[in-house]
């Protein structure tokens, strides 16, 4: 599971391309932001799949760390227009916390 978390975090840290591979033209700021947005969505999908697998393991420390990671990845997406991308990872995290009967500290 730790490798899945690391893959998702590294996907977010990957720098955006300066030049479009197809056209060879320099990317503008909006195109870079779109690329970063798509990588963030892909990282959340990775975390969602990891949380589903975590429920079977039922290791509290791994599940809680995954929930923190999902929350931190989702913060920039909590706007009205992008909030729908966070629903499924949040639900997976909540269900995983429910299976380990986590309480709030």
PDB file of N, CA and C in Angstrom:
ATOM      1  N   UNK A   1       0.813  -1.194   0.000  1.00  0.00           N
ATOM      2  CA  UNK A   1       0.000   0.000   0.000  1.00  0.00           C
ATOM      3  C   UNK A   1       0.861   1.264   0.000  1.00  0.00           C
ATOM      4  N   UNK A   2       1.974   1.194   0.722  1.00  0.00           N
ATOM      5  CA  UNK A   2       2.827   2.385   0.779  1.00  0.00           C
ATOM      6  C   UNK A   2       3.321   2.752  -0.616  1.00  0.00           C
ATOM      7  N   UNK A   3       3.545   1.752  -1.469  1.00  0.00           N
ATOM      8  CA  UNK A   3       4.009   2.062  -2.827  1.00  0.00           C
ATOM      9  C   UNK A   3       2.926   2.771  -3.621  1.00  0.00           C
ATOM     10  N   UNK A   4       1.682   2.398  -3.406  1.00  0.00           N
ATOM     11  CA  UNK A   4       0.584   3.077  -4.104  1.00  0.00           C
ATOM     12  C   UNK A   4       0.474   4.530  -3.647  1.00  0.00           C
ATOM     13  N   UNK A   5       0.630   4.749  -2.344  1.00  0.00           N
ATOM     14  CA  UNK A   5       0.606   6.120  -1.831  1.00  0.00           C
ATOM     15  C   UNK A   5       1.743   6.938  -2.431  1.00  0.00           C
ATOM     16  N   UNK A   6       2.910   6.318  -2.509  1.00  0.00           N
ATOM     17  CA  UNK A   6       4.073   7.019  -3.045  1.00  0.00           C
ATOM     18  C   UNK A   6       3.894   7.325  -4.521  1.00  0.00           C
ATOM     19  N   UNK A   7       3.331   6.381  -5.275  1.00  0.00           N
ATOM     20  CA  UNK A   7       3.072   6.624  -6.702  1.00  0.00           C
ATOM     21  C   UNK A   7       2.151   7.821  -6.890  1.00  0.00           C
ATOM     22  N   UNK A   8       1.112   7.888  -6.089  1.00  0.00           N
ATOM     23  CA  UNK A   8       0.150   8.990  -6.205  1.00  0.00           C
ATOM     24  C   UNK A   8       0.800  10.324  -5.844  1.00  0.00           C
ATOM     25  N   UNK A   9       1.607  10.335  -4.791  1.00  0.00           N
ATOM     26  CA  UNK A   9       2.258  11.586  -4.389  1.00  0.00           C
ATOM     27  C   UNK A   9       3.303  12.022  -5.414  1.00  0.00           C
ATOM     28  N   UNK A  10       4.028  11.071  -5.990  1.00  0.00           N
ATOM     29  CA  UNK A  10       5.016  11.416  -7.009  1.00  0.00           C
ATOM     30  C   UNK A  10       4.351  11.906  -8.291  1.00  0.00           C
ATOM     31  N   UNK A  11       3.176  11.383  -8.578  1.00  0.00           N
ATOM     32  CA  UNK A  11       2.443  11.849  -9.743  1.00  0.00           C
ATOM     33  C   UNK A  11       2.092  13.328  -9.613  1.00  0.00           C
ATOM     34  N   UNK A  12       1.787  13.760  -8.398  1.00  0.00           N
ATOM     35  CA  UNK A  12       1.478  15.176  -8.172  1.00  0.00           C
ATOM     36  C   UNK A  12       2.719  16.052  -8.267  1.00  0.00           C
ATOM     37  N   UNK A  13       3.840  15.533  -7.853  1.00  0.00           N
ATOM     38  CA  UNK A  13       5.074  16.324  -7.837  1.00  0.00           C
ATOM     39  C   UNK A  13       5.774  16.389  -9.192  1.00  0.00           C
ATOM     40  N   UNK A  14       5.324  15.577 -10.132  1.00  0.00           N
ATOM     41  CA  UNK A  14       5.934  15.562 -11.458  1.00  0.00           C
ATOM     42  C   UNK A  14       5.758  16.932 -12.117  1.00  0.00           C
ATOM     43  N   UNK A  15       6.846  17.524 -12.585  1.00  0.00           N
ATOM     44  CA  UNK A  15       6.719  18.859 -13.197  1.00  0.00           C
ATOM     45  C   UNK A  15       5.969  18.789 -14.533  1.00  0.00           C
ATOM     46  N   UNK A  16       5.231  19.837 -14.828  1.00  0.00           N
ATOM     47  CA  UNK A  16       4.499  19.866 -16.090  1.00  0.00           C
ATOM     48  C   UNK A  16       5.469  20.114 -17.237  1.00  0.00           C
ATOM     49  N   UNK A  17       5.103  19.632 -18.391  1.00  0.00           N
ATOM     50  CA  UNK A  17       5.953  19.754 -19.570  1.00  0.00           C
ATOM     51  C   UNK A  17       6.012  21.206 -20.042  1.00  0.00           C
ATOM     52  N   UNK A  18       7.146  21.595 -20.521  1.00  0.00           N
ATOM     53  CA  UNK A  18       7.325  22.946 -21.063  1.00  0.00           C
ATOM     54  C   UNK A  18       6.860  23.018 -22.514  1.00  0.00           C
ATOM     55  N   UNK A  19       7.008  21.892 -23.237  1.00  0.00           N
ATOM     56  CA  UNK A  19       6.716  21.859 -24.670  1.00  0.00           C
ATOM     57  C   UNK A  19       5.760  20.703 -24.943  1.00  0.00           C
ATOM     58  N   UNK A  20       4.795  20.949 -25.820  1.00  0.00           N
ATOM     59  CA  UNK A  20       3.862  19.910 -26.232  1.00  0.00           C
ATOM     60  C   UNK A  20       4.606  18.887 -27.082  1.00  0.00           C
ATOM     61  N   UNK A  21       4.476  17.617 -26.744  1.00  0.00           N
ATOM     62  CA  UNK A  21       5.206  16.566 -27.451  1.00  0.00           C
ATOM     63  C   UNK A  21       4.734  16.406 -28.896  1.00  0.00           C
ATOM     64  N   UNK A  22       3.463  16.681 -29.167  1.00  0.00           N
ATOM     65  CA  UNK A  22       2.925  16.494 -30.518  1.00  0.00           C
ATOM     66  C   UNK A  22       3.276  17.647 -31.444  1.00  0.00           C
ATOM     67  N   UNK A  23       3.101  18.856 -30.964  1.00  0.00           N
ATOM     68  CA  UNK A  23       3.289  20.019 -31.842  1.00  0.00           C
ATOM     69  C   UNK A  23       4.658  20.667 -31.708  1.00  0.00           C
ATOM     70  N   UNK A  24       5.330  20.451 -30.609  1.00  0.00           N
ATOM     71  CA  UNK A  24       6.619  21.079 -30.377  1.00  0.00           C
ATOM     72  C   UNK A  24       6.521  22.527 -29.942  1.00  0.00           C
ATOM     73  N   UNK A  25       5.299  22.993 -29.664  1.00  0.00           N
ATOM     74  CA  UNK A  25       5.090  24.377 -29.236  1.00  0.00           C
ATOM     75  C   UNK A  25       5.120  24.469 -27.715  1.00  0.00           C
ATOM     76  N   UNK A  26       5.540  25.621 -27.234  1.00  0.00           N
ATOM     77  CA  UNK A  26       5.604  25.859 -25.796  1.00  0.00           C
ATOM     78  C   UNK A  26       4.188  25.954 -25.233  1.00  0.00           C
ATOM     79  N   UNK A  27       3.971  25.304 -24.073  1.00  0.00           N
ATOM     80  CA  UNK A  27       2.660  25.322 -23.431  1.00  0.00           C
ATOM     81  C   UNK A  27       2.467  26.613 -22.659  1.00  0.00           C
ATOM     82  N   UNK A  28       1.244  27.134 -22.705  1.00  0.00           N
ATOM     83  CA  UNK A  28       0.958  28.326 -21.919  1.00  0.00           C
ATOM     84  C   UNK A  28       0.511  27.923 -20.514  1.00  0.00           C
ATOM     85  N   UNK A  29       0.262  28.893 -19.681  1.00  0.00           N
ATOM     86  CA  UNK A  29      -0.071  28.649 -18.276  1.00  0.00           C
ATOM     87  C   UNK A  29      -1.354  27.839 -18.124  1.00  0.00           C
ATOM     88  N   UNK A  30      -2.357  28.140 -18.923  1.00  0.00           N
ATOM     89  CA  UNK A  30      -3.630  27.429 -18.819  1.00  0.00           C
ATOM     90  C   UNK A  30      -3.442  25.956 -19.184  1.00  0.00           C
ATOM     91  N   UNK A  31      -2.667  25.686 -20.215  1.00  0.00           N
ATOM     92  CA  UNK A  31      -2.429  24.302 -20.616  1.00  0.00           C
ATOM     93  C   UNK A  31      -1.673  23.538 -19.534  1.00  0.00           C
ATOM     94  N   UNK A  32      -0.756  24.194 -18.858  1.00  0.00           N
ATOM     95  CA  UNK A  32      -0.035  23.551 -17.757  1.00  0.00           C
ATOM     96  C   UNK A  32      -0.968  23.274 -16.584  1.00  0.00           C
ATOM     97  N   UNK A  33      -1.865  24.212 -16.298  1.00  0.00           N
ATOM     98  CA  UNK A  33      -2.811  24.008 -15.206  1.00  0.00           C
ATOM     99  C   UNK A  33      -3.745  22.847 -15.504  1.00  0.00           C
ATOM    100  N   UNK A  34      -4.161  22.713 -16.756  1.00  0.00           N
ATOM    101  CA  UNK A  34      -5.017  21.589 -17.150  1.00  0.00           C
ATOM    102  C   UNK A  34      -4.264  20.276 -16.964  1.00  0.00           C
ATOM    103  N   UNK A  35      -2.997  20.245 -17.345  1.00  0.00           N
ATOM    104  CA  UNK A  35      -2.176  19.048 -17.172  1.00  0.00           C
ATOM    105  C   UNK A  35      -2.031  18.699 -15.691  1.00  0.00           C
ATOM    106  N   UNK A  36      -1.795  19.700 -14.852  1.00  0.00           N
ATOM    107  CA  UNK A  36      -1.690  19.470 -13.406  1.00  0.00           C
ATOM    108  C   UNK A  36      -3.008  18.963 -12.833  1.00  0.00           C
ATOM    109  N   UNK A  37      -4.114  19.521 -13.299  1.00  0.00           N
ATOM    110  CA  UNK A  37      -5.442  19.104 -12.858  1.00  0.00           C
ATOM    111  C   UNK A  37      -5.676  17.638 -13.206  1.00  0.00           C
ATOM    112  N   UNK A  38      -5.333  17.249 -14.430  1.00  0.00           N
ATOM    113  CA  UNK A  38      -5.534  15.864 -14.861  1.00  0.00           C
ATOM    114  C   UNK A  38      -4.661  14.897 -14.059  1.00  0.00           C
ATOM    115  N   UNK A  39      -3.448  15.316 -13.725  1.00  0.00           N
ATOM    116  CA  UNK A  39      -2.584  14.472 -12.901  1.00  0.00           C
ATOM    117  C   UNK A  39      -3.145  14.326 -11.493  1.00  0.00           C
ATOM    118  N   UNK A  40      -3.718  15.379 -10.949  1.00  0.00           N
ATOM    119  CA  UNK A  40      -4.316  15.323  -9.611  1.00  0.00           C
ATOM    120  C   UNK A  40      -5.501  14.364  -9.602  1.00  0.00           C
ATOM    121  N   UNK A  41      -6.305  14.401 -10.658  1.00  0.00           N
ATOM    122  CA  UNK A  41      -7.450  13.488 -10.761  1.00  0.00           C
ATOM    123  C   UNK A  41      -6.956  12.044 -10.837  1.00  0.00           C
ATOM    124  N   UNK A  42      -5.917  11.806 -11.617  1.00  0.00           N
ATOM    125  CA  UNK A  42      -5.355  10.457 -11.742  1.00  0.00           C
ATOM    126  C   UNK A  42      -4.782   9.977 -10.405  1.00  0.00           C
ATOM    127  N   UNK A  43      -4.135  10.865  -9.671  1.00  0.00           N
ATOM    128  CA  UNK A  43      -3.589  10.508  -8.354  1.00  0.00           C
ATOM    129  C   UNK A  43      -4.721  10.150  -7.388  1.00  0.00           C
ATOM    130  N   UNK A  44      -5.824  10.877  -7.451  1.00  0.00           N
ATOM    131  CA  UNK A  44      -6.969  10.554  -6.593  1.00  0.00           C
ATOM    132  C   UNK A  44      -7.567   9.205  -6.960  1.00  0.00           C
ATOM    133  N   UNK A  45      -7.577   8.874  -8.244  1.00  0.00           N
ATOM    134  CA  UNK A  45      -8.076   7.559  -8.651  1.00  0.00           C
ATOM    135  C   UNK A  45      -7.179   6.453  -8.115  1.00  0.00           C
ATOM    136  N   UNK A  46      -5.868   6.678  -8.139  1.00  0.00           N
ATOM    137  CA  UNK A  46      -4.941   5.703  -7.555  1.00  0.00           C
ATOM    138  C   UNK A  46      -5.214   5.514  -6.062  1.00  0.00           C
ATOM    139  N   UNK A  47      -5.418   6.616  -5.371  1.00  0.00           N
ATOM    140  CA  UNK A  47      -5.682   6.547  -3.934  1.00  0.00           C
ATOM    141  C   UNK A  47      -7.017   5.874  -3.644  1.00  0.00           C
ATOM    142  N   UNK A  48      -7.998   6.105  -4.505  1.00  0.00           N
ATOM    143  CA  UNK A  48      -9.296   5.467  -4.327  1.00  0.00           C
ATOM    144  C   UNK A  48      -9.155   3.951  -4.430  1.00  0.00           C
ATOM    145  N   UNK A  49      -8.422   3.480  -5.434  1.00  0.00           N
ATOM    146  CA  UNK A  49      -8.203   2.036  -5.575  1.00  0.00           C
ATOM    147  C   UNK A  49      -7.401   1.486  -4.389  1.00  0.00           C
ATOM    148  N   UNK A  50      -6.456   2.267  -3.906  1.00  0.00           N
ATOM    149  CA  UNK A  50      -5.664   1.821  -2.751  1.00  0.00           C
ATOM    150  C   UNK A  50      -6.536   1.713  -1.503  1.00  0.00           C
ATOM    151  N   UNK A  51      -7.454   2.640  -1.322  1.00  0.00           N
ATOM    152  CA  UNK A  51      -8.312   2.591  -0.136  1.00  0.00           C
ATOM    153  C   UNK A  51      -9.260   1.402  -0.187  1.00  0.00           C
ATOM    154  N   UNK A  52      -9.696   1.023  -1.374  1.00  0.00           N
ATOM    155  CA  UNK A  52     -10.550  -0.159  -1.494  1.00  0.00           C
ATOM    156  C   UNK A  52      -9.770  -1.402  -1.079  1.00  0.00           C
ATOM    157  N   UNK A  53      -8.507  -1.471  -1.490  1.00  0.00           N
ATOM    158  CA  UNK A  53      -7.657  -2.599  -1.079  1.00  0.00           C
ATOM    159  C   UNK A  53      -7.343  -2.540   0.412  1.00  0.00           C
ATOM    160  N   UNK A  54      -7.225  -1.338   0.955  1.00  0.00           N
ATOM    161  CA  UNK A  54      -6.929  -1.174   2.378  1.00  0.00           C
ATOM    162  C   UNK A  54      -8.032  -1.735   3.265  1.00  0.00           C
ATOM    163  N   UNK A  55      -9.267  -1.669   2.806  1.00  0.00           N
ATOM    164  CA  UNK A  55     -10.365  -2.175   3.622  1.00  0.00           C
ATOM    165  C   UNK A  55     -10.190  -3.666   3.898  1.00  0.00           C
ATOM    166  N   UNK A  56      -9.621  -4.386   2.921  1.00  0.00           N
ATOM    167  CA  UNK A  56      -9.401  -5.812   3.122  1.00  0.00           C
ATOM    168  C   UNK A  56      -8.277  -6.064   4.126  1.00  0.00           C
ATOM    169  N   UNK A  57      -7.251  -5.189   4.119  1.00  0.00           N
ATOM    170  CA  UNK A  57      -6.135  -5.355   5.049  1.00  0.00           C
ATOM    171  C   UNK A  57      -6.530  -5.019   6.479  1.00  0.00           C
ATOM    172  N   UNK A  58      -7.350  -3.988   6.625  1.00  0.00           N
ATOM    173  CA  UNK A  58      -7.822  -3.514   7.928  1.00  0.00           C
ATOM    174  C   UNK A  58      -6.679  -3.091   8.847  1.00  0.00           C
ATOM    175  N   UNK A  59      -5.617  -2.529   8.280  1.00  0.00           N
ATOM    176  CA  UNK A  59      -4.513  -1.980   9.075  1.00  0.00           C
ATOM    177  C   UNK A  59      -4.816  -0.505   9.323  1.00  0.00           C
ATOM    178  N   UNK A  60      -5.042  -0.169  10.570  1.00  0.00           N
ATOM    179  CA  UNK A  60      -5.502   1.172  10.928  1.00  0.00           C
ATOM    180  C   UNK A  60      -4.512   2.263  10.521  1.00  0.00           C
ATOM    181  N   UNK A  61      -3.229   2.039  10.742  1.00  0.00           N
ATOM    182  CA  UNK A  61      -2.235   3.068  10.420  1.00  0.00           C
ATOM    183  C   UNK A  61      -2.187   3.369   8.929  1.00  0.00           C
ATOM    184  N   UNK A  62      -2.250   2.333   8.111  1.00  0.00           N
ATOM    185  CA  UNK A  62      -2.217   2.523   6.662  1.00  0.00           C
ATOM    186  C   UNK A  62      -3.479   3.231   6.184  1.00  0.00           C
ATOM    187  N   UNK A  63      -4.609   2.850   6.729  1.00  0.00           N
ATOM    188  CA  UNK A  63      -5.876   3.472   6.324  1.00  0.00           C
ATOM    189  C   UNK A  63      -5.895   4.949   6.707  1.00  0.00           C
ATOM    190  N   UNK A  64      -5.481   5.268   7.903  1.00  0.00           N
ATOM    191  CA  UNK A  64      -5.500   6.661   8.350  1.00  0.00           C
ATOM    192  C   UNK A  64      -4.543   7.507   7.528  1.00  0.00           C
ATOM    193  N   UNK A  65      -3.369   6.981   7.236  1.00  0.00           N
ATOM    194  CA  UNK A  65      -2.411   7.711   6.389  1.00  0.00           C
ATOM    195  C   UNK A  65      -2.981   7.940   4.985  1.00  0.00           C
ATOM    196  N   UNK A  66      -3.674   6.937   4.456  1.00  0.00           N
ATOM    197  CA  UNK A  66      -4.323   7.093   3.148  1.00  0.00           C
ATOM    198  C   UNK A  66      -5.410   8.153   3.171  1.00  0.00           C
ATOM    199  N   UNK A  67      -6.142   8.224   4.261  1.00  0.00           N
ATOM    200  CA  UNK A  67      -7.192   9.251   4.385  1.00  0.00           C
ATOM    201  C   UNK A  67      -6.584  10.642   4.428  1.00  0.00           C
ATOM    202  N   UNK A  68      -5.475  10.792   5.144  1.00  0.00           N
ATOM    203  CA  UNK A  68      -4.783  12.084   5.158  1.00  0.00           C
ATOM    204  C   UNK A  68      -4.322  12.465   3.759  1.00  0.00           C
ATOM    205  N   UNK A  69      -3.784  11.501   3.046  1.00  0.00           N
ATOM    206  CA  UNK A  69      -3.280  11.765   1.696  1.00  0.00           C
ATOM    207  C   UNK A  69      -4.411  12.155   0.754  1.00  0.00           C
ATOM    208  N   UNK A  70      -5.523  11.446   0.834  1.00  0.00           N
ATOM    209  CA  UNK A  70      -6.675  11.788  -0.008  1.00  0.00           C
ATOM    210  C   UNK A  70      -7.164  13.197   0.314  1.00  0.00           C
ATOM    211  N   UNK A  71      -7.248  13.532   1.581  1.00  0.00           N
ATOM    212  CA  UNK A  71      -7.696  14.863   1.966  1.00  0.00           C
ATOM    213  C   UNK A  71      -6.777  15.941   1.402  1.00  0.00           C
ATOM    214  N   UNK A  72      -5.467  15.754   1.576  1.00  0.00           N
ATOM    215  CA  UNK A  72      -4.517  16.759   1.102  1.00  0.00           C
ATOM    216  C   UNK A  72      -4.518  16.884  -0.416  1.00  0.00           C
ATOM    217  N   UNK A  73      -4.708  15.784  -1.121  1.00  0.00           N
ATOM    218  CA  UNK A  73      -4.778  15.842  -2.583  1.00  0.00           C
ATOM    219  C   UNK A  73      -6.066  16.507  -3.059  1.00  0.00           C
ATOM    220  N   UNK A  74      -7.115  16.374  -2.284  1.00  0.00           N
ATOM    221  CA  UNK A  74      -8.426  16.872  -2.701  1.00  0.00           C
ATOM    222  C   UNK A  74      -8.660  18.338  -2.389  1.00  0.00           C
ATOM    223  N   UNK A  75      -7.892  18.914  -1.492  1.00  0.00           N
ATOM    224  CA  UNK A  75      -8.129  20.300  -1.095  1.00  0.00           C
ATOM    225  C   UNK A  75      -8.214  21.275  -2.278  1.00  0.00           C
ATOM    226  N   UNK A  76      -7.306  21.228  -3.250  1.00  0.00           N
ATOM    227  CA  UNK A  76      -7.435  22.170  -4.367  1.00  0.00           C
ATOM    228  C   UNK A  76      -8.666  21.922  -5.242  1.00  0.00           C
ATOM    229  N   UNK A  77      -9.293  20.760  -5.113  1.00  0.00           N
ATOM    230  CA  UNK A  77     -10.447  20.420  -5.940  1.00  0.00           C
ATOM    231  C   UNK A  77     -11.785  20.694  -5.259  1.00  0.00           C
ATOM    232  N   UNK A  78     -11.777  21.314  -4.099  1.00  0.00           N
ATOM    233  CA  UNK A  78     -13.019  21.534  -3.368  1.00  0.00           C
ATOM    234  C   UNK A  78     -13.718  22.828  -3.770  1.00  0.00           C
ATOM    235  N   UNK A  79     -13.694  23.122  -5.051  1.00  0.00           N
ATOM    236  CA  UNK A  79     -14.451  24.246  -5.601  1.00  0.00           C
ATOM    237  C   UNK A  79     -15.737  23.681  -6.190  1.00  0.00           C
ATOM    238  N   UNK A  80     -16.701  24.526  -6.444  1.00  0.00           N
ATOM    239  CA  UNK A  80     -17.978  24.048  -6.979  1.00  0.00           C
ATOM    240  C   UNK A  80     -17.821  23.291  -8.289  1.00  0.00           C
ATOM    241  N   UNK A  81     -16.931  23.745  -9.153  1.00  0.00           N
ATOM    242  CA  UNK A  81     -16.813  23.134 -10.474  1.00  0.00           C
ATOM    243  C   UNK A  81     -16.044  21.817 -10.472  1.00  0.00           C
ATOM    244  N   UNK A  82     -15.225  21.566  -9.478  1.00  0.00           N
ATOM    245  CA  UNK A  82     -14.394  20.358  -9.476  1.00  0.00           C
ATOM    246  C   UNK A  82     -14.679  19.427  -8.302  1.00  0.00           C
ATOM    247  N   UNK A  83     -15.641  19.745  -7.514  1.00  0.00           N
ATOM    248  CA  UNK A  83     -15.946  18.963  -6.309  1.00  0.00           C
ATOM    249  C   UNK A  83     -16.381  17.534  -6.624  1.00  0.00           C
ATOM    250  N   UNK A  84     -16.965  17.310  -7.784  1.00  0.00           N
ATOM    251  CA  UNK A  84     -17.459  15.970  -8.121  1.00  0.00           C
ATOM    252  C   UNK A  84     -16.328  14.944  -8.216  1.00  0.00           C
ATOM    253  N   UNK A  85     -15.112  15.381  -8.482  1.00  0.00           N
ATOM    254  CA  UNK A  85     -13.981  14.464  -8.585  1.00  0.00           C
ATOM    255  C   UNK A  85     -13.534  13.932  -7.223  1.00  0.00           C
ATOM    256  N   UNK A  86     -13.938  14.578  -6.161  1.00  0.00           N
ATOM    257  CA  UNK A  86     -13.506  14.175  -4.823  1.00  0.00           C
ATOM    258  C   UNK A  86     -14.502  13.245  -4.131  1.00  0.00           C
ATOM    259  N   UNK A  87     -15.688  13.088  -4.678  1.00  0.00           N
ATOM    260  CA  UNK A  87     -16.736  12.334  -3.999  1.00  0.00           C
ATOM    261  C   UNK A  87     -16.347  10.874  -3.777  1.00  0.00           C
ATOM    262  N   UNK A  88     -15.935  10.189  -4.830  1.00  0.00           N
ATOM    263  CA  UNK A  88     -15.631   8.762  -4.717  1.00  0.00           C
ATOM    264  C   UNK A  88     -14.436   8.489  -3.797  1.00  0.00           C
ATOM    265  N   UNK A  89     -13.316   9.230  -3.914  1.00  0.00           N
ATOM    266  CA  UNK A  89     -12.225   8.991  -2.947  1.00  0.00           C
ATOM    267  C   UNK A  89     -12.617   9.280  -1.503  1.00  0.00           C
ATOM    268  N   UNK A  90     -13.426  10.322  -1.292  1.00  0.00           N
ATOM    269  CA  UNK A  90     -13.879  10.617   0.074  1.00  0.00           C
ATOM    270  C   UNK A  90     -14.756   9.491   0.612  1.00  0.00           C
ATOM    271  N   UNK A  91     -15.626   8.947  -0.230  1.00  0.00           N
ATOM    272  CA  UNK A  91     -16.489   7.848   0.205  1.00  0.00           C
ATOM    273  C   UNK A  91     -15.660   6.605   0.525  1.00  0.00           C
ATOM    274  N   UNK A  92     -14.655   6.317  -0.284  1.00  0.00           N
ATOM    275  CA  UNK A  92     -13.793   5.163  -0.016  1.00  0.00           C
ATOM    276  C   UNK A  92     -13.057   5.344   1.307  1.00  0.00           C
ATOM    277  N   UNK A  93     -12.569   6.554   1.545  1.00  0.00           N
ATOM    278  CA  UNK A  93     -11.866   6.834   2.797  1.00  0.00           C
ATOM    279  C   UNK A  93     -12.811   6.703   3.991  1.00  0.00           C
ATOM    280  N   UNK A  94     -14.005   7.226   3.858  1.00  0.00           N
ATOM    281  CA  UNK A  94     -14.967   7.148   4.956  1.00  0.00           C
ATOM    282  C   UNK A  94     -15.362   5.702   5.253  1.00  0.00           C
ATOM    283  N   UNK A  95     -15.564   4.909   4.209  1.00  0.00           N
ATOM    284  CA  UNK A  95     -15.913   3.503   4.416  1.00  0.00           C
ATOM    285  C   UNK A  95     -14.763   2.731   5.051  1.00  0.00           C
ATOM    286  N   UNK A  96     -13.539   3.043   4.648  1.00  0.00           N
ATOM    287  CA  UNK A  96     -12.383   2.370   5.245  1.00  0.00           C
ATOM    288  C   UNK A  96     -12.252   2.737   6.721  1.00  0.00           C
ATOM    289  N   UNK A  97     -12.479   3.992   7.041  1.00  0.00           N
ATOM    290  CA  UNK A  97     -12.437   4.404   8.449  1.00  0.00           C
ATOM    291  C   UNK A  97     -13.542   3.720   9.248  1.00  0.00           C
ATOM    292  N   UNK A  98     -14.676   3.520   8.616  1.00  0.00           N
ATOM    293  CA  UNK A  98     -15.783   2.866   9.287  1.00  0.00           C
ATOM    294  C   UNK A  98     -15.469   1.396   9.572  1.00  0.00           C
ATOM    295  N   UNK A  99     -14.755   0.746   8.650  1.00  0.00           N
ATOM    296  CA  UNK A  99     -14.444  -0.669   8.871  1.00  0.00           C
ATOM    297  C   UNK A  99     -13.471  -0.869  10.029  1.00  0.00           C
ATOM    298  N   UNK A 100     -12.589   0.079  10.254  1.00  0.00           N
ATOM    299  CA  UNK A 100     -11.657  -0.057  11.394  1.00  0.00           C
ATOM    300  C   UNK A 100     -12.222   0.596  12.643  1.00  0.00           C
ATOM    301  N   UNK A 101     -13.434   1.108  12.529  1.00  0.00           N
ATOM    302  CA  UNK A 101     -14.123   1.753  13.643  1.00  0.00           C
ATOM    303  C   UNK A 101     -13.264   2.867  14.251  1.00  0.00           C
ATOM    304  N   UNK A 102     -12.740   3.711  13.363  1.00  0.00           N
ATOM    305  CA  UNK A 102     -11.915   4.825  13.801  1.00  0.00           C
ATOM    306  C   UNK A 102     -12.800   5.862  14.475  1.00  0.00           C
ATOM    307  N   UNK A 103     -12.283   6.422  15.546  1.00  0.00           N
ATOM    308  CA  UNK A 103     -13.002   7.506  16.196  1.00  0.00           C
ATOM    309  C   UNK A 103     -12.203   8.784  16.026  1.00  0.00           C
ATOM    310  N   UNK A 104     -12.819   9.882  16.305  1.00  0.00           N
ATOM    311  CA  UNK A 104     -12.113  11.144  16.092  1.00  0.00           C
ATOM    312  C   UNK A 104     -11.257  11.454  17.311  1.00  0.00           C
ATOM    313  N   UNK A 105     -10.011  11.855  17.033  1.00  0.00           N
ATOM    314  CA  UNK A 105      -9.049  12.179  18.092  1.00  0.00           C
ATOM    315  C   UNK A 105      -8.807  13.654  18.164  1.00  0.00           C
TER     316      UNK A 105
END
